[in-house]
Amino acid sequence: MPAPEPPSPQETLLHIAERRHWESARDTGVSYAMSTLGRTLDEEGFVHCSSDLAQVEGVLARFYTGVDRTSLVLLVIDVARLDAPVRYEPAGDELFPHIYGPIPPAAVIDVRSLPASR
């Protein structure tokens, strides 16, 4: 099976964040450095992101089934405001964007609630 085609550069990316970690970064002005649920940027090497809501739903279904959705938020990240590179890398048969550095709070242009688990 051929590798998926890399997507066109996107203006925004989505990241599922634990509310407490995002709010701490926002309130202190320190760059957000969590990669995924319970794992830091230093531990993973990059921040896991999604290209669209379909990818977000898949990630939620696979990795966040036991997590209370009210403890999570969806960060909308303006790629132009990042100081770190974004690479699209395969996971299964999809390409997911990974940010290779912390996310400055100013790069987060919207914070959304996540849908309740199904």
PDB file of N, CA and C in Angstrom:
ATOM      1  N   MET A   1       0.854  -1.187   0.000  1.00  0.00           N
ATOM      2  CA  MET A   1       0.000   0.000   0.000  1.00  0.00           C
ATOM      3  C   MET A   1       0.893   1.240   0.000  1.00  0.00           C
ATOM      4  N   PRO A   2       0.684   2.176  -0.928  1.00  0.00           N
ATOM      5  CA  PRO A   2       1.514   3.383  -0.968  1.00  0.00           C
ATOM      6  C   PRO A   2       1.251   4.273   0.242  1.00  0.00           C
ATOM      7  N   ALA A   3       2.264   5.055   0.597  1.00  0.00           N
ATOM      8  CA  ALA A   3       2.128   6.000   1.714  1.00  0.00           C
ATOM      9  C   ALA A   3       1.099   7.064   1.357  1.00  0.00           C
ATOM     10  N   PRO A   4       0.348   7.553   2.358  1.00  0.00           N
ATOM     11  CA  PRO A   4      -0.613   8.618   2.089  1.00  0.00           C
ATOM     12  C   PRO A   4       0.088   9.869   1.565  1.00  0.00           C
ATOM     13  N   GLU A   5      -0.594  10.598   0.719  1.00  0.00           N
ATOM     14  CA  GLU A   5      -0.052  11.851   0.185  1.00  0.00           C
ATOM     15  C   GLU A   5      -0.014  12.901   1.287  1.00  0.00           C
ATOM     16  N   PRO A   6       1.075  13.662   1.393  1.00  0.00           N
ATOM     17  CA  PRO A   6       1.098  14.722   2.387  1.00  0.00           C
ATOM     18  C   PRO A   6       0.038  15.774   2.065  1.00  0.00           C
ATOM     19  N   PRO A   7      -0.628  16.272   3.088  1.00  0.00           N
ATOM     20  CA  PRO A   7      -1.661  17.284   2.855  1.00  0.00           C
ATOM     21  C   PRO A   7      -1.046  18.624   2.478  1.00  0.00           C
ATOM     22  N   SER A   8      -1.864  19.479   1.915  1.00  0.00           N
ATOM     23  CA  SER A   8      -1.446  20.857   1.666  1.00  0.00           C
ATOM     24  C   SER A   8      -1.195  21.517   3.014  1.00  0.00           C
ATOM     25  N   PRO A   9      -0.301  22.478   3.065  1.00  0.00           N
ATOM     26  CA  PRO A   9      -0.087  23.172   4.338  1.00  0.00           C
ATOM     27  C   PRO A   9      -1.406  23.736   4.867  1.00  0.00           C
ATOM     28  N   GLN A  10      -1.606  23.563   6.147  1.00  0.00           N
ATOM     29  CA  GLN A  10      -2.835  24.040   6.779  1.00  0.00           C
ATOM     30  C   GLN A  10      -2.564  25.310   7.560  1.00  0.00           C
ATOM     31  N   GLU A  11      -3.594  26.108   7.674  1.00  0.00           N
ATOM     32  CA  GLU A  11      -3.476  27.328   8.475  1.00  0.00           C
ATOM     33  C   GLU A  11      -3.648  27.044   9.952  1.00  0.00           C
ATOM     34  N   THR A  12      -4.480  26.030  10.284  1.00  0.00           N
ATOM     35  CA  THR A  12      -4.724  25.705  11.687  1.00  0.00           C
ATOM     36  C   THR A  12      -4.602  24.202  11.905  1.00  0.00           C
ATOM     37  N   LEU A  13      -4.261  23.844  13.134  1.00  0.00           N
ATOM     38  CA  LEU A  13      -4.222  22.456  13.584  1.00  0.00           C
ATOM     39  C   LEU A  13      -5.062  22.349  14.841  1.00  0.00           C
ATOM     40  N   LEU A  14      -5.448  21.138  15.182  1.00  0.00           N
ATOM     41  CA  LEU A  14      -6.247  20.879  16.378  1.00  0.00           C
ATOM     42  C   LEU A  14      -5.452  20.006  17.338  1.00  0.00           C
ATOM     43  N   HIS A  15      -5.570  20.304  18.625  1.00  0.00           N
ATOM     44  CA  HIS A  15      -4.879  19.513  19.650  1.00  0.00           C
ATOM     45  C   HIS A  15      -5.820  19.284  20.823  1.00  0.00           C
ATOM     46  N   ILE A  16      -5.961  18.025  21.228  1.00  0.00           N
ATOM     47  CA  ILE A  16      -6.752  17.680  22.414  1.00  0.00           C
ATOM     48  C   ILE A  16      -5.864  17.904  23.631  1.00  0.00           C
ATOM     49  N   ALA A  17      -6.295  18.764  24.517  1.00  0.00           N
ATOM     50  CA  ALA A  17      -5.493  19.115  25.694  1.00  0.00           C
ATOM     51  C   ALA A  17      -6.262  18.831  26.974  1.00  0.00           C
ATOM     52  N   GLU A  18      -5.514  18.438  28.001  1.00  0.00           N
ATOM     53  CA  GLU A  18      -6.109  18.390  29.325  1.00  0.00           C
ATOM     54  C   GLU A  18      -6.290  19.841  29.765  1.00  0.00           C
ATOM     55  N   ARG A  19      -7.513  20.174  30.151  1.00  0.00           N
ATOM     56  CA  ARG A  19      -7.864  21.558  30.492  1.00  0.00           C
ATOM     57  C   ARG A  19      -6.873  22.175  31.483  1.00  0.00           C
ATOM     58  N   ARG A  20      -6.511  21.446  32.521  1.00  0.00           N
ATOM     59  CA  ARG A  20      -5.639  22.009  33.567  1.00  0.00           C
ATOM     60  C   ARG A  20      -4.266  22.389  33.023  1.00  0.00           C
ATOM     61  N   HIS A  21      -3.730  21.592  32.107  1.00  0.00           N
ATOM     62  CA  HIS A  21      -2.414  21.913  31.543  1.00  0.00           C
ATOM     63  C   HIS A  21      -2.490  23.131  30.619  1.00  0.00           C
ATOM     64  N   TRP A  22      -3.546  23.190  29.799  1.00  0.00           N
ATOM     65  CA  TRP A  22      -3.701  24.352  28.918  1.00  0.00           C
ATOM     66  C   TRP A  22      -3.901  25.618  29.735  1.00  0.00           C
ATOM     67  N   GLU A  23      -4.796  25.562  30.735  1.00  0.00           N
ATOM     68  CA  GLU A  23      -5.082  26.761  31.515  1.00  0.00           C
ATOM     69  C   GLU A  23      -3.855  27.242  32.281  1.00  0.00           C
ATOM     70  N   SER A  24      -3.032  26.321  32.747  1.00  0.00           N
ATOM     71  CA  SER A  24      -1.792  26.709  33.429  1.00  0.00           C
ATOM     72  C   SER A  24      -0.850  27.445  32.476  1.00  0.00           C
ATOM     73  N   ALA A  25      -0.688  26.918  31.262  1.00  0.00           N
ATOM     74  CA  ALA A  25       0.168  27.580  30.271  1.00  0.00           C
ATOM     75  C   ALA A  25      -0.391  28.952  29.907  1.00  0.00           C
ATOM     76  N   ARG A  26      -1.683  28.996  29.660  1.00  0.00           N
ATOM     77  CA  ARG A  26      -2.322  30.267  29.292  1.00  0.00           C
ATOM     78  C   ARG A  26      -2.177  31.299  30.400  1.00  0.00           C
ATOM     79  N   ASP A  27      -2.448  30.886  31.636  1.00  0.00           N
ATOM     80  CA  ASP A  27      -2.439  31.830  32.757  1.00  0.00           C
ATOM     81  C   ASP A  27      -1.042  32.333  33.107  1.00  0.00           C
ATOM     82  N   THR A  28      -0.023  31.507  32.876  1.00  0.00           N
ATOM     83  CA  THR A  28       1.348  31.906  33.213  1.00  0.00           C
ATOM     84  C   THR A  28       2.091  32.494  32.014  1.00  0.00           C
ATOM     85  N   GLY A  29       1.538  32.300  30.803  1.00  0.00           N
ATOM     86  CA  GLY A  29       2.196  32.781  29.602  1.00  0.00           C
ATOM     87  C   GLY A  29       3.352  31.902  29.160  1.00  0.00           C
ATOM     88  N   VAL A  30       3.493  30.737  29.786  1.00  0.00           N
ATOM     89  CA  VAL A  30       4.553  29.787  29.436  1.00  0.00           C
ATOM     90  C   VAL A  30       4.045  28.897  28.305  1.00  0.00           C
ATOM     91  N   SER A  31       4.896  28.605  27.349  1.00  0.00           N
ATOM     92  CA  SER A  31       4.482  27.765  26.226  1.00  0.00           C
ATOM     93  C   SER A  31       3.960  26.420  26.702  1.00  0.00           C
ATOM     94  N   TYR A  32       2.906  25.973  26.052  1.00  0.00           N
ATOM     95  CA  TYR A  32       2.265  24.690  26.351  1.00  0.00           C
ATOM     96  C   TYR A  32       3.174  23.569  25.863  1.00  0.00           C
ATOM     97  N   ALA A  33       3.488  22.615  26.748  1.00  0.00           N
ATOM     98  CA  ALA A  33       4.466  21.580  26.411  1.00  0.00           C
ATOM     99  C   ALA A  33       3.978  20.175  26.761  1.00  0.00           C
ATOM    100  N   MET A  34       2.691  19.930  26.576  1.00  0.00           N
ATOM    101  CA  MET A  34       2.156  18.578  26.729  1.00  0.00           C
ATOM    102  C   MET A  34       1.985  17.985  25.336  1.00  0.00           C
ATOM    103  N   SER A  35       2.314  16.726  25.193  1.00  0.00           N
ATOM    104  CA  SER A  35       2.219  16.078  23.890  1.00  0.00           C
ATOM    105  C   SER A  35       0.855  15.435  23.674  1.00  0.00           C
ATOM    106  N   THR A  36       0.430  14.680  24.664  1.00  0.00           N
ATOM    107  CA  THR A  36      -0.820  13.938  24.595  1.00  0.00           C
ATOM    108  C   THR A  36      -1.223  13.611  26.025  1.00  0.00           C
ATOM    109  N   LEU A  37      -2.251  12.854  26.207  1.00  0.00           N
ATOM    110  CA  LEU A  37      -2.775  12.543  27.535  1.00  0.00           C
ATOM    111  C   LEU A  37      -1.675  11.990  28.451  1.00  0.00           C
ATOM    112  N   GLY A  38      -1.310  12.770  29.466  1.00  0.00           N
ATOM    113  CA  GLY A  38      -0.347  12.336  30.460  1.00  0.00           C
ATOM    114  C   GLY A  38       1.099  12.255  29.994  1.00  0.00           C
ATOM    115  N   ARG A  39       1.416  12.767  28.805  1.00  0.00           N
ATOM    116  CA  ARG A  39       2.773  12.698  28.260  1.00  0.00           C
ATOM    117  C   ARG A  39       3.219  14.095  27.832  1.00  0.00           C
ATOM    118  N   THR A  40       4.454  14.437  28.205  1.00  0.00           N
ATOM    119  CA  THR A  40       4.981  15.757  27.879  1.00  0.00           C
ATOM    120  C   THR A  40       5.679  15.767  26.520  1.00  0.00           C
ATOM    121  N   LEU A  41       5.931  16.968  26.041  1.00  0.00           N
ATOM    122  CA  LEU A  41       6.705  17.163  24.824  1.00  0.00           C
ATOM    123  C   LEU A  41       8.079  16.509  24.966  1.00  0.00           C
ATOM    124  N   ASP A  42       8.721  16.665  26.122  1.00  0.00           N
ATOM    125  CA  ASP A  42      10.038  16.065  26.335  1.00  0.00           C
ATOM    126  C   ASP A  42       9.977  14.541  26.250  1.00  0.00           C
ATOM    127  N   GLU A  43       8.916  13.943  26.738  1.00  0.00           N
ATOM    128  CA  GLU A  43       8.789  12.479  26.708  1.00  0.00           C
ATOM    129  C   GLU A  43       8.513  11.954  25.297  1.00  0.00           C
ATOM    130  N   GLU A  44       7.706  12.669  24.512  1.00  0.00           N
ATOM    131  CA  GLU A  44       7.297  12.208  23.185  1.00  0.00           C
ATOM    132  C   GLU A  44       8.165  12.749  22.051  1.00  0.00           C
ATOM    133  N   GLY A  45       8.693  13.953  22.232  1.00  0.00           N
ATOM    134  CA  GLY A  45       9.492  14.572  21.183  1.00  0.00           C
ATOM    135  C   GLY A  45       8.710  15.510  20.287  1.00  0.00           C
ATOM    136  N   PHE A  46       7.394  15.503  20.392  1.00  0.00           N
ATOM    137  CA  PHE A  46       6.534  16.382  19.597  1.00  0.00           C
ATOM    138  C   PHE A  46       5.167  16.459  20.257  1.00  0.00           C
ATOM    139  N   VAL A  47       4.352  17.404  19.808  1.00  0.00           N
ATOM    140  CA  VAL A  47       2.979  17.552  20.280  1.00  0.00           C
ATOM    141  C   VAL A  47       2.067  16.916  19.232  1.00  0.00           C
ATOM    142  N   HIS A  48       1.280  15.944  19.661  1.00  0.00           N
ATOM    143  CA  HIS A  48       0.315  15.288  18.773  1.00  0.00           C
ATOM    144  C   HIS A  48      -0.794  16.262  18.395  1.00  0.00           C
ATOM    145  N   CYS A  49      -1.144  16.321  17.115  1.00  0.00           N
ATOM    146  CA  CYS A  49      -2.238  17.169  16.649  1.00  0.00           C
ATOM    147  C   CYS A  49      -3.086  16.401  15.642  1.00  0.00           C
ATOM    148  N   SER A  50      -4.173  17.018  15.251  1.00  0.00           N
ATOM    149  CA  SER A  50      -5.061  16.476  14.220  1.00  0.00           C
ATOM    150  C   SER A  50      -5.270  17.547  13.172  1.00  0.00           C
ATOM    151  N   SER A  51      -5.546  17.079  11.948  1.00  0.00           N
ATOM    152  CA  SER A  51      -5.791  18.002  10.837  1.00  0.00           C
ATOM    153  C   SER A  51      -7.221  18.510  10.804  1.00  0.00           C
ATOM    154  N   ASP A  52      -8.152  17.671  11.289  1.00  0.00           N
ATOM    155  CA  ASP A  52      -9.571  18.026  11.197  1.00  0.00           C
ATOM    156  C   ASP A  52     -10.360  17.318  12.297  1.00  0.00           C
ATOM    157  N   LEU A  53     -11.651  17.616  12.356  1.00  0.00           N
ATOM    158  CA  LEU A  53     -12.488  17.040  13.411  1.00  0.00           C
ATOM    159  C   LEU A  53     -12.658  15.536  13.268  1.00  0.00           C
ATOM    160  N   ALA A  54     -12.594  15.012  12.058  1.00  0.00           N
ATOM    161  CA  ALA A  54     -12.690  13.560  11.881  1.00  0.00           C
ATOM    162  C   ALA A  54     -11.514  12.872  12.570  1.00  0.00           C
ATOM    163  N   GLN A  55     -10.317  13.420  12.415  1.00  0.00           N
ATOM    164  CA  GLN A  55      -9.157  12.847  13.109  1.00  0.00           C
ATOM    165  C   GLN A  55      -9.300  12.992  14.621  1.00  0.00           C
ATOM    166  N   VAL A  56      -9.811  14.126  15.076  1.00  0.00           N
ATOM    167  CA  VAL A  56     -10.031  14.331  16.511  1.00  0.00           C
ATOM    168  C   VAL A  56     -10.963  13.249  17.046  1.00  0.00           C
ATOM    169  N   GLU A  57     -12.062  13.004  16.362  1.00  0.00           N
ATOM    170  CA  GLU A  57     -13.022  11.985  16.809  1.00  0.00           C
ATOM    171  C   GLU A  57     -12.367  10.609  16.890  1.00  0.00           C
ATOM    172  N   GLY A  58     -11.536  10.270  15.899  1.00  0.00           N
ATOM    173  CA  GLY A  58     -10.846   8.983  15.918  1.00  0.00           C
ATOM    174  C   GLY A  58      -9.892   8.868  17.091  1.00  0.00           C
ATOM    175  N   VAL A  59      -9.149   9.932  17.369  1.00  0.00           N
ATOM    176  CA  VAL A  59      -8.212   9.941  18.494  1.00  0.00           C
ATOM    177  C   VAL A  59      -8.974   9.815  19.809  1.00  0.00           C
ATOM    178  N   LEU A  60     -10.068  10.543  19.940  1.00  0.00           N
ATOM    179  CA  LEU A  60     -10.876  10.450  21.156  1.00  0.00           C
ATOM    180  C   LEU A  60     -11.382   9.026  21.360  1.00  0.00           C
ATOM    181  N   ALA A  61     -11.856   8.405  20.296  1.00  0.00           N
ATOM    182  CA  ALA A  61     -12.403   7.044  20.390  1.00  0.00           C
ATOM    183  C   ALA A  61     -11.317   6.021  20.742  1.00  0.00           C
ATOM    184  N   ARG A  62     -10.113   6.221  20.238  1.00  0.00           N
ATOM    185  CA  ARG A  62      -9.039   5.253  20.470  1.00  0.00           C
ATOM    186  C   ARG A  62      -8.305   5.454  21.785  1.00  0.00           C
ATOM    187  N   PHE A  63      -8.077   6.694  22.188  1.00  0.00           N
ATOM    188  CA  PHE A  63      -7.176   6.939  23.307  1.00  0.00           C
ATOM    189  C   PHE A  63      -7.786   7.642  24.518  1.00  0.00           C
ATOM    190  N   TYR A  64      -9.005   8.146  24.397  1.00  0.00           N
ATOM    191  CA  TYR A  64      -9.586   8.941  25.484  1.00  0.00           C
ATOM    192  C   TYR A  64     -10.928   8.389  25.959  1.00  0.00           C
ATOM    193  N   THR A  65     -11.177   7.100  25.764  1.00  0.00           N
ATOM    194  CA  THR A  65     -12.495   6.550  26.089  1.00  0.00           C
ATOM    195  C   THR A  65     -12.862   6.680  27.561  1.00  0.00           C
ATOM    196  N   GLY A  66     -11.908   6.559  28.464  1.00  0.00           N
ATOM    197  CA  GLY A  66     -12.227   6.624  29.884  1.00  0.00           C
ATOM    198  C   GLY A  66     -12.047   7.994  30.490  1.00  0.00           C
ATOM    199  N   VAL A  67     -11.811   8.999  29.666  1.00  0.00           N
ATOM    200  CA  VAL A  67     -11.520  10.344  30.176  1.00  0.00           C
ATOM    201  C   VAL A  67     -12.784  11.202  30.133  1.00  0.00           C
ATOM    202  N   ASP A  68     -13.052  11.888  31.241  1.00  0.00           N
ATOM    203  CA  ASP A  68     -14.193  12.813  31.310  1.00  0.00           C
ATOM    204  C   ASP A  68     -13.954  13.962  30.334  1.00  0.00           C
ATOM    205  N   ARG A  69     -14.848  14.106  29.372  1.00  0.00           N
ATOM    206  CA  ARG A  69     -14.661  15.125  28.322  1.00  0.00           C
ATOM    207  C   ARG A  69     -14.640  16.544  28.884  1.00  0.00           C
ATOM    208  N   THR A  70     -15.228  16.761  30.043  1.00  0.00           N
ATOM    209  CA  THR A  70     -15.196  18.116  30.605  1.00  0.00           C
ATOM    210  C   THR A  70     -13.802  18.488  31.093  1.00  0.00           C
ATOM    211  N   SER A  71     -12.915  17.486  31.244  1.00  0.00           N
ATOM    212  CA  SER A  71     -11.542  17.781  31.672  1.00  0.00           C
ATOM    213  C   SER A  71     -10.628  18.046  30.485  1.00  0.00           C
ATOM    214  N   LEU A  72     -11.202  18.013  29.269  1.00  0.00           N
ATOM    215  CA  LEU A  72     -10.433  18.214  28.045  1.00  0.00           C
ATOM    216  C   LEU A  72     -10.934  19.434  27.289  1.00  0.00           C
ATOM    217  N   VAL A  73     -10.063  20.020  26.485  1.00  0.00           N
ATOM    218  CA  VAL A  73     -10.447  21.101  25.571  1.00  0.00           C
ATOM    219  C   VAL A  73      -9.778  20.829  24.230  1.00  0.00           C
ATOM    220  N   LEU A  74     -10.296  21.445  23.197  1.00  0.00           N
ATOM    221  CA  LEU A  74      -9.720  21.333  21.869  1.00  0.00           C
ATOM    222  C   LEU A  74      -9.083  22.672  21.523  1.00  0.00           C
ATOM    223  N   LEU A  75      -7.761  22.672  21.376  1.00  0.00           N
ATOM    224  CA  LEU A  75      -7.045  23.886  21.019  1.00  0.00           C
ATOM    225  C   LEU A  75      -7.012  24.026  19.508  1.00  0.00           C
ATOM    226  N   VAL A  76      -7.308  25.225  19.022  1.00  0.00           N
ATOM    227  CA  VAL A  76      -7.168  25.543  17.598  1.00  0.00           C
ATOM    228  C   VAL A  76      -5.900  26.384  17.492  1.00  0.00           C
ATOM    229  N   ILE A  77      -4.932  25.859  16.750  1.00  0.00           N
ATOM    230  CA  ILE A  77      -3.594  26.443  16.715  1.00  0.00           C
ATOM    231  C   ILE A  77      -3.334  27.089  15.358  1.00  0.00           C
ATOM    232  N   ASP A  78      -2.905  28.340  15.375  1.00  0.00           N
ATOM    233  CA  ASP A  78      -2.520  29.067  14.160  1.00  0.00           C
ATOM    234  C   ASP A  78      -1.079  28.685  13.824  1.00  0.00           C
ATOM    235  N   VAL A  79      -0.899  27.922  12.763  1.00  0.00           N
ATOM    236  CA  VAL A  79       0.419  27.421  12.384  1.00  0.00           C
ATOM    237  C   VAL A  79       1.417  28.564  12.160  1.00  0.00           C
ATOM    238  N   ALA A  80       0.965  29.679  11.630  1.00  0.00           N
ATOM    239  CA  ALA A  80       1.851  30.810  11.355  1.00  0.00           C
ATOM    240  C   ALA A  80       2.449  31.406  12.633  1.00  0.00           C
ATOM    241  N   ARG A  81       1.832  31.149  13.764  1.00  0.00           N
ATOM    242  CA  ARG A  81       2.323  31.696  15.037  1.00  0.00           C
ATOM    243  C   ARG A  81       3.238  30.738  15.794  1.00  0.00           C
ATOM    244  N   LEU A  82       3.512  29.581  15.216  1.00  0.00           N
ATOM    245  CA  LEU A  82       4.391  28.609  15.865  1.00  0.00           C
ATOM    246  C   LEU A  82       5.855  28.941  15.594  1.00  0.00           C
ATOM    247  N   ASP A  83       6.702  28.643  16.561  1.00  0.00           N
ATOM    248  CA  ASP A  83       8.141  28.792  16.389  1.00  0.00           C
ATOM    249  C   ASP A  83       8.792  27.458  16.032  1.00  0.00           C
ATOM    250  N   ALA A  84       8.010  26.389  16.029  1.00  0.00           N
ATOM    251  CA  ALA A  84       8.525  25.044  15.810  1.00  0.00           C
ATOM    252  C   ALA A  84       7.998  24.483  14.493  1.00  0.00           C
ATOM    253  N   PRO A  85       8.740  23.556  13.901  1.00  0.00           N
ATOM    254  CA  PRO A  85       8.270  22.949  12.650  1.00  0.00           C
ATOM    255  C   PRO A  85       7.110  21.987  12.875  1.00  0.00           C
ATOM    256  N   VAL A  86       6.292  21.847  11.833  1.00  0.00           N
ATOM    257  CA  VAL A  86       5.192  20.883  11.813  1.00  0.00           C
ATOM    258  C   VAL A  86       5.538  19.838  10.761  1.00  0.00           C
ATOM    259  N   ARG A  87       5.435  18.571  11.152  1.00  0.00           N
ATOM    260  CA  ARG A  87       5.664  17.475  10.210  1.00  0.00           C
ATOM    261  C   ARG A  87       4.434  16.590  10.199  1.00  0.00           C
ATOM    262  N   TYR A  88       4.057  16.139   9.008  1.00  0.00           N
ATOM    263  CA  TYR A  88       2.941  15.203   8.861  1.00  0.00           C
ATOM    264  C   TYR A  88       3.525  13.804   8.780  1.00  0.00           C
ATOM    265  N   GLU A  89       3.121  12.963   9.734  1.00  0.00           N
ATOM    266  CA  GLU A  89       3.713  11.634   9.828  1.00  0.00           C
ATOM    267  C   GLU A  89       2.622  10.575   9.903  1.00  0.00           C
ATOM    268  N   PRO A  90       2.915   9.381   9.362  1.00  0.00           N
ATOM    269  CA  PRO A  90       1.897   8.333   9.322  1.00  0.00           C
ATOM    270  C   PRO A  90       1.619   7.726  10.688  1.00  0.00           C
ATOM    271  N   ALA A  91       0.358   7.450  10.900  1.00  0.00           N
ATOM    272  CA  ALA A  91      -0.115   6.660  12.045  1.00  0.00           C
ATOM    273  C   ALA A  91      -1.257   5.823  11.479  1.00  0.00           C
ATOM    274  N   GLY A  92      -1.021   4.529  11.364  1.00  0.00           N
ATOM    275  CA  GLY A  92      -1.995   3.703  10.662  1.00  0.00           C
ATOM    276  C   GLY A  92      -1.986   4.103   9.199  1.00  0.00           C
ATOM    277  N   ASP A  93      -3.162   4.325   8.642  1.00  0.00           N
ATOM    278  CA  ASP A  93      -3.242   4.725   7.229  1.00  0.00           C
ATOM    279  C   ASP A  93      -3.548   6.204   7.045  1.00  0.00           C
ATOM    280  N   GLU A  94      -3.286   6.998   8.087  1.00  0.00           N
ATOM    281  CA  GLU A  94      -3.505   8.440   8.012  1.00  0.00           C
ATOM    282  C   GLU A  94      -2.201   9.176   8.305  1.00  0.00           C
ATOM    283  N   LEU A  95      -2.163  10.432   7.886  1.00  0.00           N
ATOM    284  CA  LEU A  95      -1.068  11.323   8.266  1.00  0.00           C
ATOM    285  C   LEU A  95      -1.574  12.277   9.337  1.00  0.00           C
ATOM    286  N   PHE A  96      -0.799  12.398  10.404  1.00  0.00           N
ATOM    287  CA  PHE A  96      -1.153  13.306  11.490  1.00  0.00           C
ATOM    288  C   PHE A  96      -0.077  14.378  11.622  1.00  0.00           C
ATOM    289  N   PRO A  97      -0.482  15.626  11.888  1.00  0.00           N
ATOM    290  CA  PRO A  97       0.497  16.688  12.108  1.00  0.00           C
ATOM    291  C   PRO A  97       1.101  16.588  13.508  1.00  0.00           C
ATOM    292  N   HIS A  98       2.399  16.755  13.574  1.00  0.00           N
ATOM    293  CA  HIS A  98       3.124  16.774  14.840  1.00  0.00           C
ATOM    294  C   HIS A  98       3.916  18.077  14.898  1.00  0.00           C
ATOM    295  N   ILE A  99       3.810  18.766  16.020  1.00  0.00           N
ATOM    296  CA  ILE A  99       4.550  20.008  16.230  1.00  0.00           C
ATOM    297  C   ILE A  99       5.796  19.669  17.033  1.00  0.00           C
ATOM    298  N   TYR A 100       6.955  19.977  16.475  1.00  0.00           N
ATOM    299  CA  TYR A 100       8.228  19.633  17.102  1.00  0.00           C
ATOM    300  C   TYR A 100       8.751  20.771  17.971  1.00  0.00           C
ATOM    301  N   GLY A 101       7.953  21.137  18.943  1.00  0.00           N
ATOM    302  CA  GLY A 101       8.320  22.163  19.903  1.00  0.00           C
ATOM    303  C   GLY A 101       7.092  22.586  20.679  1.00  0.00           C
ATOM    304  N   PRO A 102       7.279  23.435  21.684  1.00  0.00           N
ATOM    305  CA  PRO A 102       6.144  23.888  22.493  1.00  0.00           C
ATOM    306  C   PRO A 102       5.242  24.852  21.717  1.00  0.00           C
ATOM    307  N   ILE A 103       4.033  25.002  22.220  1.00  0.00           N
ATOM    308  CA  ILE A 103       3.040  25.881  21.585  1.00  0.00           C
ATOM    309  C   ILE A 103       2.925  27.171  22.406  1.00  0.00           C
ATOM    310  N   PRO A 104       3.325  28.300  21.838  1.00  0.00           N
ATOM    311  CA  PRO A 104       3.147  29.568  22.558  1.00  0.00           C
ATOM    312  C   PRO A 104       1.652  29.839  22.754  1.00  0.00           C
ATOM    313  N   PRO A 105       1.252  30.323  23.909  1.00  0.00           N
ATOM    314  CA  PRO A 105      -0.176  30.605  24.125  1.00  0.00           C
ATOM    315  C   PRO A 105      -0.773  31.509  23.035  1.00  0.00           C
ATOM    316  N   ALA A 106       0.019  32.417  22.479  1.00  0.00           N
ATOM    317  CA  ALA A 106      -0.490  33.318  21.434  1.00  0.00           C
ATOM    318  C   ALA A 106      -0.820  32.579  20.142  1.00  0.00           C
ATOM    319  N   ALA A 107      -0.315  31.362  19.968  1.00  0.00           N
ATOM    320  CA  ALA A 107      -0.617  30.579  18.765  1.00  0.00           C
ATOM    321  C   ALA A 107      -1.985  29.900  18.859  1.00  0.00           C
ATOM    322  N   VAL A 108      -2.545  29.846  20.064  1.00  0.00           N
ATOM    323  CA  VAL A 108      -3.856  29.226  20.259  1.00  0.00           C
ATOM    324  C   VAL A 108      -4.918  30.298  20.023  1.00  0.00           C
ATOM    325  N   ILE A 109      -5.640  30.145  18.919  1.00  0.00           N
ATOM    326  CA  ILE A 109      -6.595  31.187  18.526  1.00  0.00           C
ATOM    327  C   ILE A 109      -8.030  30.868  18.951  1.00  0.00           C
ATOM    328  N   ASP A 110      -8.268  29.648  19.403  1.00  0.00           N
ATOM    329  CA  ASP A 110      -9.594  29.287  19.898  1.00  0.00           C
ATOM    330  C   ASP A 110      -9.448  28.076  20.805  1.00  0.00           C
ATOM    331  N   VAL A 111     -10.321  28.004  21.804  1.00  0.00           N
ATOM    332  CA  VAL A 111     -10.379  26.862  22.710  1.00  0.00           C
ATOM    333  C   VAL A 111     -11.838  26.413  22.736  1.00  0.00           C
ATOM    334  N   ARG A 112     -12.056  25.166  22.355  1.00  0.00           N
ATOM    335  CA  ARG A 112     -13.411  24.631  22.215  1.00  0.00           C
ATOM    336  C   ARG A 112     -13.643  23.478  23.190  1.00  0.00           C
ATOM    337  N   SER A 113     -14.900  23.284  23.540  1.00  0.00           N
ATOM    338  CA  SER A 113     -15.284  22.107  24.310  1.00  0.00           C
ATOM    339  C   SER A 113     -15.322  20.916  23.358  1.00  0.00           C
ATOM    340  N   LEU A 114     -15.122  19.737  23.924  1.00  0.00           N
ATOM    341  CA  LEU A 114     -15.210  18.512  23.140  1.00  0.00           C
ATOM    342  C   LEU A 114     -16.598  17.915  23.289  1.00  0.00           C
ATOM    343  N   PRO A 115     -17.057  17.200  22.273  1.00  0.00           N
ATOM    344  CA  PRO A 115     -18.364  16.570  22.402  1.00  0.00           C
ATOM    345  C   PRO A 115     -18.339  15.499  23.487  1.00  0.00           C
ATOM    346  N   ALA A 116     -19.462  15.241  24.101  1.00  0.00           N
ATOM    347  CA  ALA A 116     -19.547  14.186  25.118  1.00  0.00           C
ATOM    348  C   ALA A 116     -19.248  12.850  24.464  1.00  0.00           C
ATOM    349  N   SER A 117     -18.708  11.930  25.251  1.00  0.00           N
ATOM    350  CA  SER A 117     -18.388  10.620  24.700  1.00  0.00           C
ATOM    351  C   SER A 117     -19.682   9.903  24.308  1.00  0.00           C
ATOM    352  N   ARG A 118     -19.559   9.065  23.309  1.00  0.00           N
ATOM    353  CA  ARG A 118     -20.749   8.369  22.803  1.00  0.00           C
ATOM    354  C   ARG A 118     -20.925   7.042  23.452  1.00  0.00           C
TER     355      ARG A 118
END
